[in-house]
Amino acid sequence: MKGYVQVYTGNGKGKTTAAIGLAIRAAGAGMKVLFAQFVKGRKYSEIRALERFDELITLRQYGRECFIANRPTGEDIEAARAGLEAVREDMKSGTYQLVILDEACIAVYYGLFSADELLMAIRERNPECEVVATGRYAPTKLVEAADLVTEMKEVKHYYARGVAGRCGVES
């Protein structure tokens, strides 16, 4: 089966959640999935949930304990670049039918690696490997190269009323 490139972007909630849904659907069909998370390094509820599918879904995080708030540190850059290199090899290998690059767009936005480096890794993949890149601020080059782009648009969010992120819903 030919693999396509999907992008889930926008300022609305649900990009990672949609990618997780696809990972579970793929696992249900017996596909091997790599869920590679950039920028994030904490064990969020989504990670704990996906660990339950460890026979078919491989999880890797290429971020530190804290999400980048201002400028990335050298450690942030090293973690993301090492992650992109590892994922590049995984996408070429034919081991995985679905590779999710969660928060790859944010990694590009913060300059952890370039849009060109991300695109090169995607272009070098096994032709049967489906790739999903998520995150706000998807680079124009990635949007143009993708086969499917979904924009999550925030219409209304309770964060604006001061509601903090809740375990199991936002984290």
Protein backbone atom coordinates (compact mmCIF):
# COMPACT_ATOMS: atom_id res chain seq x y z
CA MET A 1 0.00 0.00 0.00
CA LYS A 2 1.36 3.44 -0.92
CA GLY A 3 2.12 5.71 2.02
CA TYR A 4 0.98 9.32 1.97
CA VAL A 5 2.00 12.40 3.96
CA GLN A 6 -0.53 13.94 6.32
CA VAL A 7 -0.26 17.16 8.33
CA TYR A 8 -2.42 18.08 11.32
CA THR A 9 -1.86 21.74 12.18
CA GLY A 10 -3.61 24.87 13.42
CA ASN A 11 -4.19 26.63 16.73
CA GLY A 12 -7.05 24.38 17.82
CA LYS A 13 -7.01 21.44 20.18
CA GLY A 14 -6.87 17.91 18.80
CA LYS A 15 -3.81 17.48 16.57
CA THR A 16 -2.00 14.95 18.74
CA THR A 17 -5.32 13.36 19.69
CA ALA A 18 -6.19 12.82 16.03
CA ALA A 19 -2.76 11.29 15.40
CA ILE A 20 -3.22 8.95 18.36
CA GLY A 21 -6.59 7.90 16.98
CA LEU A 22 -4.95 7.04 13.67
CA ALA A 23 -2.18 5.12 15.50
CA ILE A 24 -4.78 3.03 17.32
CA ARG A 25 -6.72 2.43 14.09
CA ALA A 26 -3.52 1.31 12.34
CA ALA A 27 -2.58 -0.97 15.26
CA GLY A 28 -6.07 -2.44 15.13
CA ALA A 29 -5.39 -3.35 11.50
CA GLY A 30 -2.13 -5.04 12.52
CA MET A 31 0.15 -2.26 11.27
CA LYS A 32 3.41 -1.39 13.02
CA VAL A 33 3.42 2.23 14.20
CA LEU A 34 6.19 4.56 15.35
CA PHE A 35 4.92 7.46 17.47
CA ALA A 36 7.84 9.89 17.69
CA GLN A 37 7.19 12.92 19.86
CA PHE A 38 9.39 15.99 19.44
CA VAL A 39 9.72 18.82 21.97
CA LYS A 40 7.70 16.92 24.60
CA GLY A 41 9.50 14.74 27.13
CA ARG A 42 7.00 14.23 29.92
CA LYS A 43 4.96 11.09 30.33
CA TYR A 44 1.59 12.62 29.40
CA SER A 45 -1.57 10.53 29.64
CA GLU A 46 -1.44 9.91 25.88
CA ILE A 47 1.94 8.21 26.30
CA ARG A 48 0.67 6.01 29.11
CA ALA A 49 -2.31 5.02 26.95
CA LEU A 50 -0.21 4.17 23.90
CA GLU A 51 2.15 2.07 26.02
CA ARG A 52 -0.73 -0.39 26.33
CA PHE A 53 -0.32 -1.14 22.61
CA ASP A 54 3.42 -1.78 22.86
CA GLU A 55 3.32 -4.85 20.59
CA LEU A 56 2.37 -2.67 17.62
CA ILE A 57 3.08 0.93 18.65
CA THR A 58 6.63 2.03 19.43
CA LEU A 59 6.92 5.25 21.43
CA ARG A 60 9.90 7.55 21.44
CA GLN A 61 10.23 11.03 22.90
CA TYR A 62 12.83 13.49 21.64
CA GLY A 63 12.28 16.32 24.08
CA ARG A 64 13.09 17.27 27.62
CA GLU A 65 10.83 17.35 30.68
CA CYS A 66 9.61 20.86 29.87
CA PHE A 67 7.92 22.15 26.75
CA ILE A 68 9.87 25.00 25.13
CA ALA A 69 8.45 28.29 26.38
CA ASN A 70 10.96 30.81 25.07
CA ARG A 71 14.22 29.97 23.36
CA PRO A 72 15.35 26.40 22.91
CA THR A 73 18.49 25.30 24.72
CA GLY A 74 21.35 23.35 23.20
CA GLU A 75 19.86 20.27 24.86
CA ASP A 76 16.51 20.88 23.12
CA ILE A 77 18.25 21.16 19.76
CA GLU A 78 20.40 18.07 20.32
CA ALA A 79 17.43 15.96 21.39
CA ALA A 80 15.33 16.98 18.37
CA ARG A 81 18.13 16.55 15.84
CA ALA A 82 19.08 13.13 17.20
CA GLY A 83 15.40 12.21 17.08
CA LEU A 84 14.98 13.32 13.49
CA GLU A 85 18.02 11.28 12.47
CA ALA A 86 16.72 8.18 14.26
CA VAL A 87 13.26 8.61 12.74
CA ARG A 88 14.78 9.12 9.29
CA GLU A 89 16.39 5.69 9.53
CA ASP A 90 13.18 4.15 10.88
CA MET A 91 11.15 5.58 7.99
CA LYS A 92 13.60 4.12 5.47
CA SER A 93 13.74 0.71 7.12
CA GLY A 94 10.30 -0.58 6.16
CA THR A 95 9.71 -1.65 9.78
CA TYR A 96 6.82 0.76 10.28
CA GLN A 97 3.77 1.27 8.08
CA LEU A 98 2.82 4.46 9.97
CA VAL A 99 5.18 7.02 11.46
CA ILE A 100 3.77 9.91 13.47
CA LEU A 101 6.03 12.92 13.93
CA ASP A 102 4.18 14.56 16.79
CA GLU A 103 5.05 18.25 17.26
CA ALA A 104 7.49 18.17 14.32
CA CYS A 105 5.97 21.45 13.10
CA ILE A 106 6.72 23.11 16.44
CA ALA A 107 10.26 21.74 16.30
CA VAL A 108 10.70 23.50 12.95
CA TYR A 109 9.07 26.68 14.29
CA TYR A 110 11.57 26.81 17.18
CA GLY A 111 14.51 26.09 14.87
CA LEU A 112 15.38 22.69 16.33
CA PHE A 113 15.71 21.45 12.76
CA SER A 114 14.71 23.01 9.45
CA ALA A 115 11.70 22.37 7.25
CA ASP A 116 14.14 21.19 4.56
CA GLU A 117 15.67 18.63 6.94
CA LEU A 118 12.21 17.38 7.91
CA LEU A 119 11.15 17.14 4.27
CA MET A 120 14.33 15.31 3.30
CA ALA A 121 13.67 12.69 5.98
CA ILE A 122 10.08 12.30 4.77
CA ARG A 123 11.10 12.06 1.10
CA GLU A 124 13.70 9.36 1.87
CA ARG A 125 11.11 7.11 3.54
CA ASN A 126 10.07 3.69 2.36
CA PRO A 127 7.28 4.30 -0.21
CA GLU A 128 4.85 2.20 1.84
CA CYS A 129 5.36 4.32 4.98
CA GLU A 130 2.49 6.69 5.84
CA VAL A 131 3.75 9.80 7.68
CA VAL A 132 1.79 12.19 9.87
CA ALA A 133 3.39 15.43 11.07
CA THR A 134 1.56 17.40 13.76
CA GLY A 135 1.91 20.77 15.44
CA ARG A 136 1.02 24.40 15.14
CA TYR A 137 2.71 26.57 12.54
CA ALA A 138 3.21 23.90 9.87
CA PRO A 139 5.88 25.20 7.51
CA THR A 140 4.58 26.19 4.08
CA LYS A 141 6.97 23.76 2.38
CA LEU A 142 5.55 20.87 4.38
CA VAL A 143 1.95 21.89 3.64
CA GLU A 144 2.75 22.06 -0.06
CA ALA A 145 4.46 18.66 -0.06
CA ALA A 146 1.71 16.91 1.94
CA ASP A 147 -1.07 14.83 0.45
CA LEU A 148 -3.57 15.65 3.22
CA VAL A 149 -3.60 18.71 5.48
CA THR A 150 -6.07 19.22 8.29
CA GLU A 151 -6.20 22.50 10.18
CA MET A 152 -7.62 22.44 13.68
CA LYS A 153 -9.16 25.84 14.28
CA GLU A 154 -9.86 27.16 17.73
CA VAL A 155 -13.32 28.68 17.82
CA LYS A 156 -13.70 28.79 21.59
CA HIS A 157 -11.58 27.38 24.42
CA TYR A 158 -12.08 27.36 28.17
CA TYR A 159 -8.39 28.20 28.65
CA ALA A 160 -9.44 31.80 27.86
CA ARG A 161 -11.59 31.68 31.02
CA GLY A 162 -8.63 30.54 33.11
CA VAL A 163 -9.37 26.79 33.14
CA ALA A 164 -6.09 24.92 33.59
CA GLY A 165 -5.19 21.80 31.59
CA ARG A 166 -6.84 18.71 33.05
CA CYS A 167 -5.26 15.27 33.37
CA GLY A 168 -6.87 12.91 30.89
CA VAL A 169 -8.35 15.69 28.75
CA GLU A 170 -5.47 18.07 27.94
CA SER A 171 -2.51 16.23 29.43
